[in-house]
C-alpha atoms as a PDB file:
ATOM      1  CA  MET A   1     120.603  38.643  48.479  1.00  0.00           C
ATOM      2  CA  ASN A   2     122.692  36.011  50.250  1.00  0.00           C
ATOM      3  CA  ALA A   3     121.366  33.705  52.972  1.00  0.00           C
ATOM      4  CA  ASP A   4     123.022  35.605  55.834  1.00  0.00           C
ATOM      5  CA  ALA A   5     121.546  38.903  54.640  1.00  0.00           C
ATOM      6  CA  ASP A   6     118.130  37.305  54.294  1.00  0.00           C
ATOM      7  CA  LYS A   7     118.231  36.118  57.899  1.00  0.00           C
ATOM      8  CA  ARG A   8     118.882  39.694  59.034  1.00  0.00           C
ATOM      9  CA  ALA A   9     116.212  41.253  56.797  1.00  0.00           C
ATOM     10  CA  PRO A  10     113.167  42.864  58.452  1.00  0.00           C
ATOM     11  CA  GLY A  11     110.403  40.291  58.816  1.00  0.00           C
ATOM     12  CA  ALA A  12     112.720  37.279  58.466  1.00  0.00           C
ATOM     13  CA  VAL A  13     112.034  36.031  61.998  1.00  0.00           C
ATOM     14  CA  LEU A  14     108.282  36.462  61.522  1.00  0.00           C
ATOM     15  CA  LYS A  15     108.393  34.619  58.166  1.00  0.00           C
ATOM     16  CA  ARG A  16     110.090  31.599  59.741  1.00  0.00           C
ATOM     17  CA  GLU A  17     107.610  31.734  62.615  1.00  0.00           C
ATOM     18  CA  ARG A  18     104.625  31.714  60.274  1.00  0.00           C
ATOM     19  CA  VAL A  19     105.919  28.758  58.248  1.00  0.00           C
ATOM     20  CA  ARG A  20     106.591  26.855  61.485  1.00  0.00           C
ATOM     21  CA  ASP A  21     103.037  27.583  62.685  1.00  0.00           C
ATOM     22  CA  ARG A  22     101.499  26.382  59.409  1.00  0.00           C
ATOM     23  CA  ILE A  23     103.335  23.059  59.669  1.00  0.00           C
ATOM     24  CA  LEU A  24     102.394  22.726  63.345  1.00  0.00           C
ATOM     25  CA  GLU A  25      98.737  23.292  62.420  1.00  0.00           C
ATOM     26  CA  LEU A  26      99.050  20.417  59.969  1.00  0.00           C
ATOM     27  CA  ILE A  27     100.697  18.170  62.594  1.00  0.00           C
ATOM     28  CA  GLU A  28      98.051  18.972  65.215  1.00  0.00           C
ATOM     29  CA  SER A  29      95.244  18.103  62.788  1.00  0.00           C
ATOM     30  CA  GLN A  30      96.536  14.551  62.353  1.00  0.00           C
ATOM     31  CA  ARG A  31      97.398  11.534  64.476  1.00  0.00           C
ATOM     32  CA  PRO A  32     100.798  10.056  65.350  1.00  0.00           C
ATOM     33  CA  GLY A  33     102.097   8.040  62.406  1.00  0.00           C
ATOM     34  CA  ASP A  34     100.013   9.861  59.786  1.00  0.00           C
ATOM     35  CA  PRO A  35     101.936  10.963  56.674  1.00  0.00           C
ATOM     36  CA  ILE A  36     102.219  14.635  55.795  1.00  0.00           C
ATOM     37  CA  PRO A  37     102.533  16.033  52.253  1.00  0.00           C
ATOM     38  CA  SER A  38     105.900  16.258  50.538  1.00  0.00           C
ATOM     39  CA  GLU A  39     108.106  19.335  50.844  1.00  0.00           C
ATOM     40  CA  ARG A  40     107.262  20.271  47.249  1.00  0.00           C
ATOM     41  CA  THR A  41     103.530  20.115  47.987  1.00  0.00           C
ATOM     42  CA  LEU A  42     103.932  22.143  51.183  1.00  0.00           C
ATOM     43  CA  CYS A  43     105.991  24.792  49.372  1.00  0.00           C
ATOM     44  CA  ALA A  44     103.176  25.246  46.869  1.00  0.00           C
ATOM     45  CA  ARG A  45     100.500  25.263  49.582  1.00  0.00           C
ATOM     46  CA  PHE A  46     102.274  27.793  51.810  1.00  0.00           C
ATOM     47  CA  GLY A  47     103.815  29.877  49.028  1.00  0.00           C
ATOM     48  CA  VAL A  48     107.385  29.629  50.357  1.00  0.00           C
ATOM     49  CA  SER A  49     110.737  28.589  48.947  1.00  0.00           C
ATOM     50  CA  ARG A  50     112.146  25.095  49.352  1.00  0.00           C
ATOM     51  CA  PRO A  51     115.022  26.235  51.658  1.00  0.00           C
ATOM     52  CA  THR A  52     112.586  28.090  53.933  1.00  0.00           C
ATOM     53  CA  LEU A  53     110.249  25.116  54.130  1.00  0.00           C
ATOM     54  CA  ARG A  54     113.080  22.640  54.664  1.00  0.00           C
ATOM     55  CA  ALA A  55     114.554  24.730  57.503  1.00  0.00           C
ATOM     56  CA  ALA A  56     111.187  24.661  59.307  1.00  0.00           C
ATOM     57  CA  VAL A  57     110.780  20.920  58.726  1.00  0.00           C
ATOM     58  CA  ASP A  58     114.325  20.252  59.959  1.00  0.00           C
ATOM     59  CA  GLU A  59     113.554  22.181  63.141  1.00  0.00           C
ATOM     60  CA  LEU A  60     110.429  20.111  63.799  1.00  0.00           C
ATOM     61  CA  VAL A  61     112.264  16.860  63.070  1.00  0.00           C
ATOM     62  CA  VAL A  62     114.930  17.805  65.609  1.00  0.00           C
ATOM     63  CA  ALA A  63     112.196  18.753  68.100  1.00  0.00           C
ATOM     64  CA  GLY A  64     110.709  15.268  67.745  1.00  0.00           C
ATOM     65  CA  LEU A  65     107.423  16.371  66.147  1.00  0.00           C
ATOM     66  CA  LEU A  66     108.092  14.986  62.663  1.00  0.00           C
ATOM     67  CA  VAL A  67     109.846  11.811  61.524  1.00  0.00           C
ATOM     68  CA  ARG A  68     111.602  11.395  58.163  1.00  0.00           C
ATOM     69  CA  GLU A  69     111.754   7.897  56.701  1.00  0.00           C
ATOM     70  CA  HIS A  70     114.092   7.439  53.741  1.00  0.00           C
ATOM     71  CA  GLY A  71     112.159   6.598  50.606  1.00  0.00           C
ATOM     72  CA  ARG A  72     108.782   6.916  52.340  1.00  0.00           C
ATOM     73  CA  GLY A  73     108.395  10.566  53.290  1.00  0.00           C
ATOM     74  CA  MET A  74     107.542  12.443  56.475  1.00  0.00           C
ATOM     75  CA  PHE A  75     105.226  11.369  59.259  1.00  0.00           C
ATOM     76  CA  VAL A  76     103.759  12.789  62.446  1.00  0.00           C
ATOM     77  CA  ALA A  77     105.970  11.608  65.305  1.00  0.00           C
ATOM     78  CA  PRO A  78     104.715   9.456  68.197  1.00  0.00           C
ATOM     79  CA  GLU A  79     103.175  11.333  71.088  1.00  0.00           C
ATOM     80  CA  LYS A  80     105.528  12.567  73.802  1.00  0.00           C
ATOM     81  CA  ILE A  81     105.093  11.564  77.412  1.00  0.00           C
ATOM     82  CA  THR A  82     103.710  14.550  79.311  1.00  0.00           C
ATOM     83  CA  GLN A  83     103.957  15.085  83.049  1.00  0.00           C
ATOM     84  CA  GLU A  84     102.789  18.023  85.155  1.00  0.00           C
ATOM     85  CA  LEU A  85     105.129  19.521  87.709  1.00  0.00           C
ATOM     86  CA  GLY A  86     102.223  20.146  90.049  1.00  0.00           C
ATOM     87  CA  SER A  87      98.465  20.362  90.205  1.00  0.00           C
ATOM     88  CA  GLY A  88      96.524  23.577  89.852  1.00  0.00           C
ATOM     89  CA  GLU A  89      96.030  23.675  93.617  1.00  0.00           C
ATOM     90  CA  GLN A  90      99.656  23.026  94.480  1.00  0.00           C
ATOM     91  CA  ALA A  91     101.700  25.905  95.886  1.00  0.00           C
ATOM     92  CA  LEU A  92     104.568  26.552  93.498  1.00  0.00           C
ATOM     93  CA  THR A  93     107.044  29.418  93.761  1.00  0.00           C
ATOM     94  CA  VAL A  94     109.198  30.600  90.875  1.00  0.00           C
ATOM     95  CA  PRO A  95     111.959  32.941  92.087  1.00  0.00           C
ATOM     96  CA  GLN A  96     113.737  35.298  89.689  1.00  0.00           C
ATOM     97  CA  ALA A  97     116.607  33.769  87.737  1.00  0.00           C
ATOM     98  CA  ALA A  98     120.134  35.023  88.382  1.00  0.00           C
ATOM     99  CA  GLY A  99     121.808  37.858  86.481  1.00  0.00           C
ATOM    100  CA  ALA A 100     120.761  41.238  85.057  1.00  0.00           C
ATOM    101  CA  TRP A 101     118.162  40.586  82.320  1.00  0.00           C
ATOM    102  CA  SER A 102     117.507  42.857  79.334  1.00  0.00           C
ATOM    103  CA  SER A 103     115.935  42.504  75.881  1.00  0.00           C
ATOM    104  CA  ARG A 104     116.681  43.398  72.260  1.00  0.00           C
ATOM    105  CA  LEU A 105     113.749  43.467  69.851  1.00  0.00           C
ATOM    106  CA  LEU A 106     114.042  41.394  66.677  1.00  0.00           C
ATOM    107  CA  GLU A 107     110.466  41.872  65.428  1.00  0.00           C
ATOM    108  CA  PHE A 108     107.538  44.006  66.631  1.00  0.00           C
ATOM    109  CA  THR A 109     104.350  44.105  64.578  1.00  0.00           C
ATOM    110  CA  THR A 110     100.569  43.608  64.605  1.00  0.00           C
ATOM    111  CA  ILE A 111      99.322  40.661  62.555  1.00  0.00           C
ATOM    112  CA  GLN A 112      96.375  38.294  62.281  1.00  0.00           C
ATOM    113  CA  ALA A 113      96.412  35.517  64.865  1.00  0.00           C
ATOM    114  CA  GLY A 114      96.115  32.649  62.392  1.00  0.00           C
ATOM    115  CA  ALA A 115      94.477  29.319  63.175  1.00  0.00           C
ATOM    116  CA  ARG A 116      97.036  27.860  65.597  1.00  0.00           C
ATOM    117  CA  VAL A 117      97.684  30.926  67.774  1.00  0.00           C
ATOM    118  CA  GLY A 118      94.006  31.885  67.538  1.00  0.00           C
ATOM    119  CA  ARG A 119      92.979  28.568  69.096  1.00  0.00           C
ATOM    120  CA  ARG A 120      95.353  29.090  72.006  1.00  0.00           C
ATOM    121  CA  LEU A 121      94.208  32.651  72.645  1.00  0.00           C
ATOM    122  CA  ARG A 122      90.535  31.788  71.948  1.00  0.00           C
ATOM    123  CA  LEU A 123      90.409  34.260  69.077  1.00  0.00           C
ATOM    124  CA  SER A 124      89.249  34.213  65.483  1.00  0.00           C
ATOM    125  CA  PRO A 125      92.121  33.502  63.063  1.00  0.00           C
ATOM    126  CA  ALA A 126      91.490  36.991  61.640  1.00  0.00           C
ATOM    127  CA  ALA A 127      91.742  38.710  65.046  1.00  0.00           C
ATOM    128  CA  LYS A 128      94.707  40.993  65.622  1.00  0.00           C
ATOM    129  CA  ILE A 129      97.618  40.075  67.879  1.00  0.00           C
ATOM    130  CA  VAL A 130     100.871  41.796  68.696  1.00  0.00           C
ATOM    131  CA  TYR A 131     103.742  39.565  67.596  1.00  0.00           C
ATOM    132  CA  VAL A 132     107.090  40.167  69.255  1.00  0.00           C
ATOM    133  CA  ALA A 133     110.388  38.359  68.791  1.00  0.00           C
ATOM    134  CA  ARG A 134     113.049  39.418  71.241  1.00  0.00           C
ATOM    135  CA  LEU A 135     116.504  38.313  72.245  1.00  0.00           C
ATOM    136  CA  ARG A 136     116.847  38.045  76.031  1.00  0.00           C
ATOM    137  CA  LEU A 137     120.268  38.889  77.424  1.00  0.00           C
ATOM    138  CA  VAL A 138     121.826  38.291  80.831  1.00  0.00           C
ATOM    139  CA  ASP A 139     124.663  40.624  81.795  1.00  0.00           C
ATOM    140  CA  GLY A 140     124.849  41.520  78.086  1.00  0.00           C
ATOM    141  CA  ALA A 141     125.223  37.908  76.859  1.00  0.00           C
ATOM    142  CA  PRO A 142     122.458  36.305  74.718  1.00  0.00           C
ATOM    143  CA  MET A 143     120.456  33.786  76.732  1.00  0.00           C
ATOM    144  CA  ALA A 144     117.127  33.146  74.981  1.00  0.00           C
ATOM    145  CA  ILE A 145     114.932  33.883  71.972  1.00  0.00           C
ATOM    146  CA  GLU A 146     111.303  34.635  72.800  1.00  0.00           C
ATOM    147  CA  HIS A 147     108.327  34.653  70.444  1.00  0.00           C
ATOM    148  CA  LEU A 148     105.388  36.447  72.088  1.00  0.00           C
ATOM    149  CA  HIS A 149     101.819  36.540  70.788  1.00  0.00           C
ATOM    150  CA  ILE A 150      99.697  39.028  72.780  1.00  0.00           C
ATOM    151  CA  ARG A 151      96.017  39.840  72.246  1.00  0.00           C
ATOM    152  CA  ALA A 152      96.024  43.252  70.579  1.00  0.00           C
ATOM    153  CA  ASP A 153      92.640  44.254  72.034  1.00  0.00           C
ATOM    154  CA  LEU A 154      94.081  44.020  75.553  1.00  0.00           C
ATOM    155  CA  VAL A 155      97.191  46.141  74.903  1.00  0.00           C
ATOM    156  CA  PRO A 156      96.306  49.183  72.745  1.00  0.00           C
ATOM    157  CA  GLY A 157      99.352  51.391  72.439  1.00  0.00           C
ATOM    158  CA  LEU A 158     101.802  48.716  73.595  1.00  0.00           C
ATOM    159  CA  SER A 159     105.230  50.140  72.791  1.00  0.00           C
ATOM    160  CA  ALA A 160     108.545  48.638  71.817  1.00  0.00           C
ATOM    161  CA  GLN A 161     110.120  50.355  74.819  1.00  0.00           C
ATOM    162  CA  GLU A 162     107.879  48.384  77.201  1.00  0.00           C
ATOM    163  CA  LEU A 163     109.214  45.158  75.706  1.00  0.00           C
ATOM    164  CA  GLU A 164     112.867  46.138  75.898  1.00  0.00           C
ATOM    165  CA  SER A 165     113.069  47.011  79.577  1.00  0.00           C
ATOM    166  CA  GLY A 166     111.455  45.992  82.824  1.00  0.00           C
ATOM    167  CA  ASP A 167     109.014  43.192  83.536  1.00  0.00           C
ATOM    168  CA  LEU A 168     106.371  42.568  80.851  1.00  0.00           C
ATOM    169  CA  TYR A 169     103.660  41.601  83.351  1.00  0.00           C
ATOM    170  CA  GLU A 170     104.373  44.739  85.382  1.00  0.00           C
ATOM    171  CA  HIS A 171     103.889  46.829  82.222  1.00  0.00           C
ATOM    172  CA  LEU A 172     100.653  44.983  81.436  1.00  0.00           C
ATOM    173  CA  ARG A 173      99.346  45.709  84.932  1.00  0.00           C
ATOM    174  CA  THR A 174     100.384  49.353  85.250  1.00  0.00           C
ATOM    175  CA  HIS A 175      99.910  50.579  81.653  1.00  0.00           C
ATOM    176  CA  HIS A 176      97.143  48.335  80.288  1.00  0.00           C
ATOM    177  CA  ASP A 177      95.202  47.238  83.394  1.00  0.00           C
ATOM    178  CA  VAL A 178      95.819  43.570  82.513  1.00  0.00           C
ATOM    179  CA  HIS A 179      96.385  41.479  85.633  1.00  0.00           C
ATOM    180  CA  VAL A 180      97.836  38.056  84.853  1.00  0.00           C
ATOM    181  CA  ARG A 181      97.020  35.283  87.302  1.00  0.00           C
ATOM    182  CA  GLU A 182      98.189  31.924  86.022  1.00  0.00           C
ATOM    183  CA  ALA A 183     100.202  30.282  83.275  1.00  0.00           C
ATOM    184  CA  VAL A 184     100.510  26.758  81.937  1.00  0.00           C
ATOM    185  CA  GLN A 185     104.073  26.100  80.794  1.00  0.00           C
ATOM    186  CA  ALA A 186     105.709  23.111  79.120  1.00  0.00           C
ATOM    187  CA  ILE A 187     109.477  22.562  78.954  1.00  0.00           C
ATOM    188  CA  GLU A 188     111.330  20.103  76.751  1.00  0.00           C
ATOM    189  CA  PRO A 189     114.834  19.627  75.328  1.00  0.00           C
ATOM    190  CA  THR A 190     115.737  20.552  71.764  1.00  0.00           C
ATOM    191  CA  VAL A 191     118.665  21.884  69.717  1.00  0.00           C
ATOM    192  CA  VAL A 192     119.159  25.226  67.968  1.00  0.00           C
ATOM    193  CA  THR A 193     118.934  25.836  64.242  1.00  0.00           C
ATOM    194  CA  ARG A 194     121.579  27.775  62.305  1.00  0.00           C
ATOM    195  CA  ALA A 195     119.612  31.045  62.538  1.00  0.00           C
ATOM    196  CA  GLU A 196     118.988  30.571  66.266  1.00  0.00           C
ATOM    197  CA  ALA A 197     122.642  29.655  66.847  1.00  0.00           C
ATOM    198  CA  GLU A 198     123.772  32.949  65.307  1.00  0.00           C
ATOM    199  CA  LEU A 199     121.492  34.949  67.592  1.00  0.00           C
ATOM    200  CA  LEU A 200     122.500  33.001  70.711  1.00  0.00           C
ATOM    201  CA  ASP A 201     126.215  32.918  69.822  1.00  0.00           C
ATOM    202  CA  VAL A 202     126.454  29.120  70.095  1.00  0.00           C
ATOM    203  CA  PRO A 203     127.294  26.362  67.571  1.00  0.00           C
ATOM    204  CA  GLU A 204     124.510  25.033  65.362  1.00  0.00           C
ATOM    205  CA  LEU A 205     122.664  22.051  66.927  1.00  0.00           C
ATOM    206  CA  SER A 206     123.722  23.079  70.439  1.00  0.00           C
ATOM    207  CA  PRO A 207     121.369  21.801  73.187  1.00  0.00           C
ATOM    208  CA  ALA A 208     118.584  24.111  74.301  1.00  0.00           C
ATOM    209  CA  LEU A 209     115.410  24.183  76.394  1.00  0.00           C
ATOM    210  CA  LEU A 210     112.113  24.914  74.653  1.00  0.00           C
ATOM    211  CA  PHE A 211     109.486  26.675  76.789  1.00  0.00           C
ATOM    212  CA  GLU A 212     105.856  26.981  75.696  1.00  0.00           C
ATOM    213  CA  ARG A 213     103.527  29.081  77.884  1.00  0.00           C
ATOM    214  CA  LEU A 214      99.916  30.239  77.837  1.00  0.00           C
ATOM    215  CA  THR A 215      99.147  33.033  80.310  1.00  0.00           C
ATOM    216  CA  SER A 216      95.659  34.024  81.508  1.00  0.00           C
ATOM    217  CA  ASP A 217      94.383  37.032  83.439  1.00  0.00           C
ATOM    218  CA  THR A 218      92.215  37.257  86.555  1.00  0.00           C
ATOM    219  CA  GLU A 219      89.079  36.961  84.391  1.00  0.00           C
ATOM    220  CA  GLY A 220      90.320  33.722  82.827  1.00  0.00           C
ATOM    221  CA  ARG A 221      91.032  35.296  79.432  1.00  0.00           C
ATOM    222  CA  PRO A 222      94.150  34.119  77.589  1.00  0.00           C
ATOM    223  CA  VAL A 223      96.517  37.089  77.404  1.00  0.00           C
ATOM    224  CA  GLU A 224      99.626  35.775  75.685  1.00  0.00           C
ATOM    225  CA  TYR A 225     101.025  32.668  74.061  1.00  0.00           C
ATOM    226  CA  VAL A 226     104.816  32.423  74.160  1.00  0.00           C
ATOM    227  CA  HIS A 227     107.412  29.959  73.018  1.00  0.00           C
ATOM    228  CA  SER A 228     111.023  30.551  73.967  1.00  0.00           C
ATOM    229  CA  LEU A 229     114.366  28.902  73.323  1.00  0.00           C
ATOM    230  CA  TYR A 230     116.937  29.008  76.134  1.00  0.00           C
ATOM    231  CA  ARG A 231     120.612  28.106  75.816  1.00  0.00           C
ATOM    232  CA  GLY A 232     121.230  24.654  77.251  1.00  0.00           C
ATOM    233  CA  ASP A 233     124.821  25.462  78.196  1.00  0.00           C
ATOM    234  CA  ARG A 234     123.925  28.466  80.351  1.00  0.00           C
ATOM    235  CA  TYR A 235     120.422  27.878  81.707  1.00  0.00           C
ATOM    236  CA  ARG A 236     118.991  25.141  83.904  1.00  0.00           C
ATOM    237  CA  ILE A 237     115.843  24.517  85.952  1.00  0.00           C
ATOM    238  CA  VAL A 238     116.234  23.635  89.632  1.00  0.00           C
ATOM    239  CA  SER A 239     113.368  22.166  91.700  1.00  0.00           C
ATOM    240  CA  ARG A 240     113.451  21.991  95.491  1.00  0.00           C
ATOM    241  CA  LEU A 241     111.264  19.217  96.910  1.00  0.00           C
ATOM    242  CA  THR A 242     109.981  18.799 100.451  1.00  0.00           C
ATOM    243  CA  LEU A 243     109.116  15.149 101.026  1.00  0.00           C
ATOM    244  CA  GLY A 244     107.155  13.461 103.767  1.00  0.00           C
ATOM    245  CA  PRO A 245     105.353  14.933 106.797  1.00  0.00           C
ATOM    246  CA  ALA A 246     107.062  18.345 106.496  1.00  0.00           C
ATOM    247  CA  ALA A 247     105.114  19.114 103.321  1.00  0.00           C
ATOM    248  CA  THR A 248     101.878  20.995 103.941  1.00  0.00           C
ATOM    249  CA  THR A 249      98.507  19.564 102.963  1.00  0.00           C
ATOM    250  CA  GLU A 250      97.979  22.540 100.614  1.00  0.00           C
ATOM    251  CA  SER A 251     100.953  21.458  98.523  1.00  0.00           C
ATOM    252  CA  VAL A 252     100.290  17.751  98.252  1.00  0.00           C
ATOM    253  CA  ALA A 253     101.336  16.461  94.849  1.00  0.00           C
ATOM    254  CA  PRO A 254      98.695  14.754  92.724  1.00  0.00           C
ATOM    255  CA  ALA A 255      98.659  11.046  92.048  1.00  0.00           C
ATOM    256  CA  GLY A 256     101.464  10.019  89.743  1.00  0.00           C
ATOM    257  CA  HIS A 257     105.067  11.042  90.101  1.00  0.00           C
ATOM    258  CA  HIS A 258     107.226  14.135  90.169  1.00  0.00           C
ATOM    259  CA  PRO A 259     109.824  14.726  87.433  1.00  0.00           C
ATOM    260  CA  GLY A 260     113.021  12.932  88.391  1.00  0.00           C
ATOM    261  CA  ILE A 261     111.266  10.635  90.891  1.00  0.00           C
ATOM    262  CA  PRO A 262     110.371   7.303  89.277  1.00  0.00           C
ATOM    263  CA  PRO A 263     106.871   5.888  89.850  1.00  0.00           C
ATOM    264  CA  GLY A 264     106.721   3.731  92.964  1.00  0.00           C
ATOM    265  CA  ASP A 265     109.349   5.635  94.947  1.00  0.00           C
ATOM    266  CA  PHE A 266     106.579   7.206  97.017  1.00  0.00           C
ATOM    267  CA  ALA A 267     103.876   4.602  96.655  1.00  0.00           C
ATOM    268  CA  HIS A 268     102.910   5.097 100.322  1.00  0.00           C
ATOM    269  CA  ARG A 269     101.638   8.579  99.357  1.00  0.00           C
ATOM    270  CA  ASP A 270     104.056  10.764 101.273  1.00  0.00           C
ATOM    271  CA  THR A 271     103.245  14.398 100.695  1.00  0.00           C
ATOM    272  CA  LEU A 272     105.483  16.472  98.451  1.00  0.00           C
ATOM    273  CA  ALA A 273     105.955  20.245  98.132  1.00  0.00           C
ATOM    274  CA  SER A 274     107.877  21.865  95.318  1.00  0.00           C
ATOM    275  CA  SER A 275     109.464  25.182  94.393  1.00  0.00           C
ATOM    276  CA  THR A 276     111.197  25.883  91.094  1.00  0.00           C
ATOM    277  CA  ARG A 277     113.683  28.466  89.898  1.00  0.00           C
ATOM    278  CA  GLY A 278     115.736  29.190  86.812  1.00  0.00           C
ATOM    279  CA  ASP A 279     119.525  29.310  87.239  1.00  0.00           C
ATOM    280  CA  VAL A 280     121.816  31.112  84.834  1.00  0.00           C
ATOM    281  CA  GLN A 281     125.319  29.653  84.746  1.00  0.00           C
ATOM    282  CA  ILE A 282     127.718  32.555  85.157  1.00  0.00           C
ATOM    283  CA  PRO A 283     130.993  31.869  83.313  1.00  0.00           C
END
C-alpha cells in the first residue's frame, strides 16, 4: 500500500492521533530541556513504524514542543508564554463566525481515553470516550480539522449524523441532556503537515491556528476535549476592546495585559471590556 492510500485508510487519522498523544504524554511528564528517547526507541515502545513516528515528531517540532539538536538528539522545548484573554468573571461574547458551516466525518469510533485525554476529562485511562475527527467546511470549502474526545457515558447513542450537521452543543442539550456552561481554550500559531495540507487543500507547511479546548457542563464535569487546526489563510480572530471609563465594572480585565497591548500601556488601571469573534475570509 502506498503512502497516499495509507493516509486515506480507515483508522489512519486515529492512528496518527494516538501516536501524537503518546509523545505528548512523554513531553508533559518531563521538564523543559530534558532529553527524550531516540526515534528508534520510541518506535519500539509505541509499536509503530519509523515514518509514522517521525511524522508525529516533526509535527511537534514545528509546533514548538520539541527541539532537535544535530548530533545530540531531541529535547523538550522551553515553556511557552501563556496569557489569558480574560478572567473567569469577565464578560466575553463569541459571535458566530461568518459563512455556512458544515462537517464531513473522517473518523467516528469509541475507544479508551488513554492517559493524556483521561487526565483532561478526569477519567480512568481505560474509560470509554467517543473519538471523532471531522473536516469543517465553510460554503463547501475546507476550513478546519477537528479532533473531538467526548465522554462516552454522557452521550449514549451519539450518532454520526449529529456530528455532521447542526450545532454539537445543541445536540448535546436536546438529545443527551448535557448542558455545557464554560470552556477553557488556548490558541497558538502552527503550520500544517502533509496529511493535514491534503485535507485542507493548502500547501504543506502553510500557516494555521491551533485551538485546544476543554468544555465543562453545568455540574462542572468535563464533557469534551478538542484540538482543532484552522487554515491561517482563511481564518482569523478579531477582538473588540472597550477601554477606559466606558467599560463596565463586571468586565474589568485582570492584572497583567491583554493580547496585543504591551505591559505598561494601561498601568493606571483603566478598565477594559472585550468581545471576540472568528472571521472567515471569503475569497
